[in-house]
Amino acid sequence: MKERAKELRASSRRASRADKAAADEAAVVEKIAEMQESDRVMAERIHAVVKASAPDLAPKLWYGMPAYAKDGKVVCFFQSAEKFNARYATFGFNDVANLDEGAMWPTAFALKELTAADETRIGELVKKAVH
């Protein structure tokens, strides 16, 4: 919660929309760089995949983790294993993501590593989530 409060204070001080977007992206890249190697490698790849798959999504920090928003609402996010003392990292989607498939569908994925096939699937899910 402290991370989120810090993020909100920082975002309220930024001037223009372009300045805010650049600062948000820089904050995401900086947070990724601070991660342990295994989380950092996955977060860097996910960042690249999300940006390539949905350039309209805006990178931002959300509870201290990389997230990607549309119209100010977080669509998807990455959680490092280290921060939550978990055995795997997580890539997830919020309820604004258009992933509905019947009455039940996955909204989060455990990640121990990323393969090319995983990156392709994430890219497809991100595209679907924003359309």
N, C-alpha and C. Protein backbone atom coordinates (compact mmCIF):
# COMPACT_ATOMS: atom_id res chain seq x y z
N MET A 1 0.82 -1.19 0.00
CA MET A 1 0.00 0.00 0.00
C MET A 1 0.87 1.26 0.00
N LYS A 2 2.02 1.18 0.67
CA LYS A 2 2.93 2.33 0.68
C LYS A 2 3.39 2.64 -0.74
N GLU A 3 3.69 1.59 -1.52
CA GLU A 3 4.12 1.78 -2.91
C GLU A 3 3.02 2.48 -3.70
N ARG A 4 1.77 2.06 -3.51
CA ARG A 4 0.65 2.64 -4.25
C ARG A 4 0.46 4.11 -3.87
N ALA A 5 0.55 4.43 -2.59
CA ALA A 5 0.41 5.82 -2.15
C ALA A 5 1.50 6.69 -2.76
N LYS A 6 2.72 6.17 -2.80
CA LYS A 6 3.84 6.89 -3.41
C LYS A 6 3.58 7.13 -4.90
N GLU A 7 3.05 6.12 -5.59
CA GLU A 7 2.74 6.24 -7.01
C GLU A 7 1.69 7.33 -7.25
N LEU A 8 0.66 7.35 -6.42
CA LEU A 8 -0.41 8.34 -6.58
C LEU A 8 0.09 9.75 -6.33
N ARG A 9 0.94 9.93 -5.32
CA ARG A 9 1.51 11.25 -5.06
C ARG A 9 2.37 11.71 -6.23
N ALA A 10 3.19 10.81 -6.76
CA ALA A 10 4.06 11.17 -7.88
C ALA A 10 3.25 11.51 -9.12
N SER A 11 2.19 10.78 -9.39
CA SER A 11 1.41 11.04 -10.59
C SER A 11 0.64 12.35 -10.50
N SER A 12 0.28 12.77 -9.30
CA SER A 12 -0.47 14.03 -9.17
C SER A 12 0.42 15.25 -9.37
N ARG A 13 1.73 15.08 -9.27
CA ARG A 13 2.67 16.19 -9.43
C ARG A 13 3.12 16.41 -10.86
N ARG A 14 2.88 15.48 -11.74
CA ARG A 14 3.39 15.59 -13.11
C ARG A 14 2.55 16.57 -13.91
N ALA A 15 3.22 17.27 -14.81
CA ALA A 15 2.57 18.35 -15.56
C ALA A 15 1.77 17.84 -16.75
N SER A 16 2.39 17.68 -17.87
CA SER A 16 1.67 17.33 -19.09
C SER A 16 1.47 15.83 -19.21
N ARG A 17 0.55 15.45 -20.08
CA ARG A 17 0.27 14.04 -20.33
C ARG A 17 1.50 13.32 -20.90
N ALA A 18 2.21 13.98 -21.82
CA ALA A 18 3.41 13.40 -22.42
C ALA A 18 4.50 13.21 -21.36
N ASP A 19 4.67 14.22 -20.49
CA ASP A 19 5.64 14.11 -19.40
C ASP A 19 5.28 12.96 -18.47
N LYS A 20 3.99 12.83 -18.17
CA LYS A 20 3.52 11.78 -17.27
C LYS A 20 3.79 10.41 -17.89
N ALA A 21 3.48 10.25 -19.19
CA ALA A 21 3.70 8.96 -19.86
C ALA A 21 5.17 8.59 -19.86
N ALA A 22 6.03 9.55 -20.15
CA ALA A 22 7.47 9.29 -20.17
C ALA A 22 7.97 8.95 -18.77
N ALA A 23 7.50 9.65 -17.77
CA ALA A 23 7.92 9.39 -16.40
C ALA A 23 7.41 8.03 -15.92
N ASP A 24 6.17 7.70 -16.29
CA ASP A 24 5.62 6.39 -15.91
C ASP A 24 6.43 5.26 -16.53
N GLU A 25 6.74 5.39 -17.81
CA GLU A 25 7.53 4.34 -18.48
C GLU A 25 8.92 4.22 -17.85
N ALA A 26 9.54 5.35 -17.55
CA ALA A 26 10.86 5.33 -16.92
C ALA A 26 10.80 4.66 -15.55
N ALA A 27 9.72 4.91 -14.81
CA ALA A 27 9.56 4.28 -13.50
C ALA A 27 9.42 2.77 -13.63
N VAL A 28 8.69 2.32 -14.66
CA VAL A 28 8.52 0.87 -14.89
C VAL A 28 9.87 0.25 -15.24
N VAL A 29 10.60 0.86 -16.15
CA VAL A 29 11.90 0.33 -16.57
C VAL A 29 12.86 0.30 -15.37
N GLU A 30 12.82 1.34 -14.55
CA GLU A 30 13.68 1.38 -13.35
C GLU A 30 13.30 0.28 -12.37
N LYS A 31 12.02 0.07 -12.16
CA LYS A 31 11.56 -0.99 -11.22
C LYS A 31 11.97 -2.36 -11.74
N ILE A 32 11.85 -2.57 -13.05
CA ILE A 32 12.27 -3.85 -13.63
C ILE A 32 13.77 -4.06 -13.42
N ALA A 33 14.55 -3.01 -13.61
CA ALA A 33 16.01 -3.11 -13.45
C ALA A 33 16.41 -3.46 -12.02
N GLU A 34 15.58 -3.15 -11.04
CA GLU A 34 15.87 -3.44 -9.64
C GLU A 34 15.57 -4.89 -9.26
N MET A 35 14.86 -5.62 -10.09
CA MET A 35 14.45 -6.99 -9.77
C MET A 35 15.62 -7.95 -9.82
N GLN A 36 15.46 -9.08 -9.11
CA GLN A 36 16.45 -10.15 -9.21
C GLN A 36 16.47 -10.66 -10.65
N GLU A 37 17.58 -11.28 -11.02
CA GLU A 37 17.79 -11.64 -12.42
C GLU A 37 16.65 -12.43 -13.05
N SER A 38 16.17 -13.48 -12.40
CA SER A 38 15.13 -14.31 -13.03
C SER A 38 13.84 -13.52 -13.25
N ASP A 39 13.43 -12.72 -12.27
CA ASP A 39 12.24 -11.88 -12.43
C ASP A 39 12.50 -10.78 -13.45
N ARG A 40 13.68 -10.19 -13.41
CA ARG A 40 14.02 -9.10 -14.31
C ARG A 40 13.97 -9.54 -15.77
N VAL A 41 14.53 -10.69 -16.07
CA VAL A 41 14.54 -11.20 -17.44
C VAL A 41 13.11 -11.38 -17.94
N MET A 42 12.26 -11.99 -17.12
CA MET A 42 10.86 -12.17 -17.53
C MET A 42 10.14 -10.83 -17.67
N ALA A 43 10.35 -9.93 -16.72
CA ALA A 43 9.68 -8.63 -16.77
C ALA A 43 10.10 -7.82 -17.99
N GLU A 44 11.39 -7.89 -18.34
CA GLU A 44 11.86 -7.19 -19.54
C GLU A 44 11.19 -7.74 -20.80
N ARG A 45 11.10 -9.06 -20.89
CA ARG A 45 10.47 -9.68 -22.07
C ARG A 45 8.98 -9.36 -22.12
N ILE A 46 8.32 -9.43 -20.96
CA ILE A 46 6.89 -9.12 -20.93
C ILE A 46 6.66 -7.66 -21.31
N HIS A 47 7.50 -6.78 -20.81
CA HIS A 47 7.39 -5.36 -21.16
C HIS A 47 7.46 -5.19 -22.67
N ALA A 48 8.42 -5.84 -23.30
CA ALA A 48 8.58 -5.75 -24.75
C ALA A 48 7.38 -6.35 -25.48
N VAL A 49 6.90 -7.49 -25.02
CA VAL A 49 5.76 -8.16 -25.67
C VAL A 49 4.50 -7.30 -25.56
N VAL A 50 4.24 -6.76 -24.37
CA VAL A 50 3.04 -5.94 -24.18
C VAL A 50 3.11 -4.69 -25.05
N LYS A 51 4.26 -4.02 -25.06
CA LYS A 51 4.40 -2.82 -25.88
C LYS A 51 4.21 -3.12 -27.37
N ALA A 52 4.73 -4.26 -27.84
CA ALA A 52 4.60 -4.62 -29.25
C ALA A 52 3.17 -5.06 -29.58
N SER A 53 2.52 -5.73 -28.66
CA SER A 53 1.18 -6.28 -28.90
C SER A 53 0.08 -5.24 -28.76
N ALA A 54 0.27 -4.29 -27.86
CA ALA A 54 -0.76 -3.28 -27.60
C ALA A 54 -0.10 -1.94 -27.32
N PRO A 55 0.39 -1.27 -28.36
CA PRO A 55 1.10 -0.01 -28.16
C PRO A 55 0.26 1.08 -27.48
N ASP A 56 -1.06 0.92 -27.48
CA ASP A 56 -1.93 1.90 -26.82
C ASP A 56 -1.92 1.78 -25.30
N LEU A 57 -1.45 0.65 -24.79
CA LEU A 57 -1.39 0.50 -23.34
C LEU A 57 -0.25 1.34 -22.78
N ALA A 58 -0.52 2.01 -21.69
CA ALA A 58 0.47 2.88 -21.06
C ALA A 58 1.13 2.17 -19.88
N PRO A 59 2.46 2.00 -19.92
CA PRO A 59 3.15 1.40 -18.79
C PRO A 59 3.05 2.32 -17.57
N LYS A 60 2.88 1.71 -16.41
CA LYS A 60 2.84 2.47 -15.17
C LYS A 60 3.11 1.52 -14.01
N LEU A 61 3.52 2.07 -12.88
CA LEU A 61 3.67 1.24 -11.69
C LEU A 61 2.32 1.11 -11.02
N TRP A 62 2.05 -0.08 -10.54
CA TRP A 62 0.80 -0.36 -9.85
C TRP A 62 1.15 -1.23 -8.66
N TYR A 63 1.00 -0.69 -7.46
CA TYR A 63 1.43 -1.36 -6.24
C TYR A 63 2.90 -1.79 -6.32
N GLY A 64 3.69 -0.94 -6.95
CA GLY A 64 5.13 -1.18 -7.04
C GLY A 64 5.56 -2.18 -8.09
N MET A 65 4.64 -2.60 -8.94
CA MET A 65 4.95 -3.58 -9.97
C MET A 65 4.59 -3.02 -11.35
N PRO A 66 5.26 -3.50 -12.41
CA PRO A 66 4.93 -3.05 -13.76
C PRO A 66 3.50 -3.41 -14.14
N ALA A 67 2.80 -2.44 -14.70
CA ALA A 67 1.43 -2.66 -15.16
C ALA A 67 1.22 -1.87 -16.44
N TYR A 68 0.12 -2.17 -17.12
CA TYR A 68 -0.17 -1.56 -18.41
C TYR A 68 -1.63 -1.17 -18.43
N ALA A 69 -1.89 0.13 -18.66
CA ALA A 69 -3.24 0.67 -18.52
C ALA A 69 -3.79 1.23 -19.82
N LYS A 70 -5.10 1.22 -19.90
CA LYS A 70 -5.82 1.85 -21.01
C LYS A 70 -6.84 2.79 -20.39
N ASP A 71 -6.80 4.04 -20.81
CA ASP A 71 -7.70 5.07 -20.26
C ASP A 71 -7.61 5.14 -18.74
N GLY A 72 -6.40 4.96 -18.22
CA GLY A 72 -6.16 5.07 -16.79
C GLY A 72 -6.47 3.83 -15.97
N LYS A 73 -7.02 2.80 -16.60
CA LYS A 73 -7.39 1.57 -15.87
C LYS A 73 -6.41 0.46 -16.22
N VAL A 74 -5.87 -0.20 -15.21
CA VAL A 74 -4.88 -1.25 -15.42
C VAL A 74 -5.56 -2.45 -16.07
N VAL A 75 -5.00 -2.85 -17.21
CA VAL A 75 -5.49 -4.01 -17.96
C VAL A 75 -4.72 -5.26 -17.56
N CYS A 76 -3.37 -5.15 -17.51
CA CYS A 76 -2.56 -6.31 -17.16
C CYS A 76 -1.35 -5.87 -16.33
N PHE A 77 -0.74 -6.83 -15.66
CA PHE A 77 0.34 -6.51 -14.74
C PHE A 77 1.28 -7.69 -14.55
N PHE A 78 2.47 -7.39 -14.07
CA PHE A 78 3.47 -8.41 -13.74
C PHE A 78 3.78 -8.29 -12.25
N GLN A 79 3.85 -9.42 -11.57
CA GLN A 79 4.25 -9.45 -10.16
C GLN A 79 5.48 -10.33 -10.04
N SER A 80 6.53 -9.79 -9.45
CA SER A 80 7.75 -10.59 -9.30
C SER A 80 7.58 -11.61 -8.18
N ALA A 81 8.26 -12.72 -8.31
CA ALA A 81 8.24 -13.75 -7.28
C ALA A 81 8.91 -13.24 -6.02
N GLU A 82 10.01 -12.52 -6.20
CA GLU A 82 10.80 -12.04 -5.07
C GLU A 82 9.98 -11.14 -4.14
N LYS A 83 9.26 -10.20 -4.69
CA LYS A 83 8.53 -9.23 -3.87
C LYS A 83 7.50 -9.91 -2.97
N PHE A 84 6.90 -10.98 -3.45
CA PHE A 84 5.86 -11.65 -2.70
C PHE A 84 6.32 -12.98 -2.10
N ASN A 85 7.63 -13.21 -2.11
CA ASN A 85 8.20 -14.46 -1.57
C ASN A 85 7.45 -15.68 -2.10
N ALA A 86 7.18 -15.65 -3.39
CA ALA A 86 6.46 -16.75 -4.04
C ALA A 86 7.44 -17.59 -4.85
N ARG A 87 7.02 -18.78 -5.20
CA ARG A 87 7.91 -19.64 -5.98
C ARG A 87 7.81 -19.37 -7.48
N TYR A 88 6.90 -18.47 -7.86
CA TYR A 88 6.77 -18.10 -9.27
C TYR A 88 6.31 -16.65 -9.39
N ALA A 89 6.64 -16.04 -10.51
CA ALA A 89 6.13 -14.70 -10.83
C ALA A 89 4.73 -14.87 -11.41
N THR A 90 4.02 -13.77 -11.55
CA THR A 90 2.65 -13.82 -12.06
C THR A 90 2.45 -12.76 -13.13
N PHE A 91 1.77 -13.14 -14.20
CA PHE A 91 1.29 -12.17 -15.18
C PHE A 91 -0.22 -12.28 -15.14
N GLY A 92 -0.90 -11.16 -14.88
CA GLY A 92 -2.35 -11.21 -14.70
C GLY A 92 -3.08 -10.11 -15.42
N PHE A 93 -4.39 -10.26 -15.44
CA PHE A 93 -5.29 -9.31 -16.09
C PHE A 93 -6.35 -8.87 -15.09
N ASN A 94 -6.73 -7.61 -15.16
CA ASN A 94 -7.82 -7.10 -14.34
C ASN A 94 -9.15 -7.26 -15.07
N ASP A 95 -10.22 -6.91 -14.39
CA ASP A 95 -11.55 -7.12 -14.96
C ASP A 95 -11.85 -6.28 -16.19
N VAL A 96 -11.10 -5.22 -16.45
CA VAL A 96 -11.33 -4.42 -17.66
C VAL A 96 -10.80 -5.12 -18.92
N ALA A 97 -10.03 -6.18 -18.76
CA ALA A 97 -9.51 -6.93 -19.90
C ALA A 97 -10.65 -7.72 -20.55
N ASN A 98 -10.72 -7.66 -21.86
CA ASN A 98 -11.79 -8.34 -22.61
C ASN A 98 -11.38 -9.78 -22.91
N LEU A 99 -11.31 -10.59 -21.88
CA LEU A 99 -10.89 -11.98 -22.05
C LEU A 99 -12.02 -12.98 -21.84
N ASP A 100 -13.23 -12.49 -21.68
CA ASP A 100 -14.36 -13.35 -21.36
C ASP A 100 -14.50 -14.52 -22.34
N GLU A 101 -14.64 -15.70 -21.77
CA GLU A 101 -14.89 -16.93 -22.55
C GLU A 101 -15.90 -17.75 -21.79
N GLY A 102 -17.17 -17.54 -22.06
CA GLY A 102 -18.21 -18.27 -21.34
C GLY A 102 -18.34 -17.77 -19.91
N ALA A 103 -18.53 -18.70 -18.98
CA ALA A 103 -18.75 -18.33 -17.58
C ALA A 103 -17.48 -18.36 -16.76
N MET A 104 -16.36 -18.87 -17.33
CA MET A 104 -15.12 -18.98 -16.56
C MET A 104 -13.92 -18.91 -17.50
N TRP A 105 -12.89 -18.14 -17.08
CA TRP A 105 -11.67 -18.02 -17.87
C TRP A 105 -10.53 -17.62 -16.95
N PRO A 106 -9.28 -17.93 -17.35
CA PRO A 106 -8.14 -17.58 -16.50
C PRO A 106 -7.85 -16.07 -16.56
N THR A 107 -7.43 -15.53 -15.42
CA THR A 107 -7.05 -14.11 -15.37
C THR A 107 -5.63 -13.90 -14.89
N ALA A 108 -4.95 -14.97 -14.48
CA ALA A 108 -3.56 -14.84 -14.05
C ALA A 108 -2.81 -16.12 -14.40
N PHE A 109 -1.51 -15.94 -14.67
CA PHE A 109 -0.68 -17.06 -15.07
C PHE A 109 0.60 -17.08 -14.24
N ALA A 110 0.95 -18.24 -13.72
CA ALA A 110 2.20 -18.41 -12.99
C ALA A 110 3.33 -18.54 -14.01
N LEU A 111 4.46 -17.86 -13.72
CA LEU A 111 5.60 -17.89 -14.63
C LEU A 111 6.87 -18.27 -13.87
N LYS A 112 7.49 -19.36 -14.28
CA LYS A 112 8.80 -19.72 -13.73
C LYS A 112 9.89 -19.37 -14.73
N GLU A 113 9.52 -19.30 -16.01
CA GLU A 113 10.39 -18.88 -17.10
C GLU A 113 9.49 -18.54 -18.28
N LEU A 114 10.05 -17.93 -19.29
CA LEU A 114 9.29 -17.59 -20.49
C LEU A 114 9.91 -18.25 -21.71
N THR A 115 9.10 -18.99 -22.43
CA THR A 115 9.54 -19.57 -23.69
C THR A 115 9.00 -18.69 -24.82
N ALA A 116 9.44 -18.94 -26.03
CA ALA A 116 8.92 -18.20 -27.18
C ALA A 116 7.42 -18.44 -27.31
N ALA A 117 6.98 -19.66 -27.06
CA ALA A 117 5.54 -19.96 -27.13
C ALA A 117 4.77 -19.18 -26.07
N ASP A 118 5.33 -19.07 -24.87
CA ASP A 118 4.68 -18.29 -23.80
C ASP A 118 4.56 -16.82 -24.21
N GLU A 119 5.62 -16.28 -24.79
CA GLU A 119 5.60 -14.88 -25.23
C GLU A 119 4.52 -14.67 -26.29
N THR A 120 4.40 -15.61 -27.21
CA THR A 120 3.37 -15.53 -28.24
C THR A 120 1.98 -15.54 -27.62
N ARG A 121 1.77 -16.45 -26.67
CA ARG A 121 0.46 -16.54 -26.01
C ARG A 121 0.15 -15.26 -25.24
N ILE A 122 1.13 -14.72 -24.53
CA ILE A 122 0.92 -13.48 -23.79
C ILE A 122 0.56 -12.36 -24.76
N GLY A 123 1.28 -12.27 -25.88
CA GLY A 123 0.98 -11.25 -26.88
C GLY A 123 -0.45 -11.37 -27.39
N GLU A 124 -0.90 -12.59 -27.66
CA GLU A 124 -2.26 -12.81 -28.15
C GLU A 124 -3.29 -12.42 -27.09
N LEU A 125 -3.03 -12.79 -25.84
CA LEU A 125 -3.95 -12.45 -24.76
C LEU A 125 -4.04 -10.94 -24.54
N VAL A 126 -2.91 -10.27 -24.63
CA VAL A 126 -2.89 -8.82 -24.45
C VAL A 126 -3.67 -8.14 -25.58
N LYS A 127 -3.48 -8.59 -26.81
CA LYS A 127 -4.24 -8.03 -27.94
C LYS A 127 -5.74 -8.22 -27.71
N LYS A 128 -6.12 -9.42 -27.30
CA LYS A 128 -7.53 -9.71 -27.06
C LYS A 128 -8.06 -8.85 -25.90
N ALA A 129 -7.25 -8.66 -24.89
CA ALA A 129 -7.68 -7.92 -23.70
C ALA A 129 -8.05 -6.48 -23.99
N VAL A 130 -7.38 -5.88 -24.97
CA VAL A 130 -7.62 -4.46 -25.25
C VAL A 130 -8.60 -4.21 -26.38
N HIS A 131 -9.06 -5.24 -27.04
CA HIS A 131 -10.02 -5.04 -28.14
C HIS A 131 -11.39 -5.50 -27.80
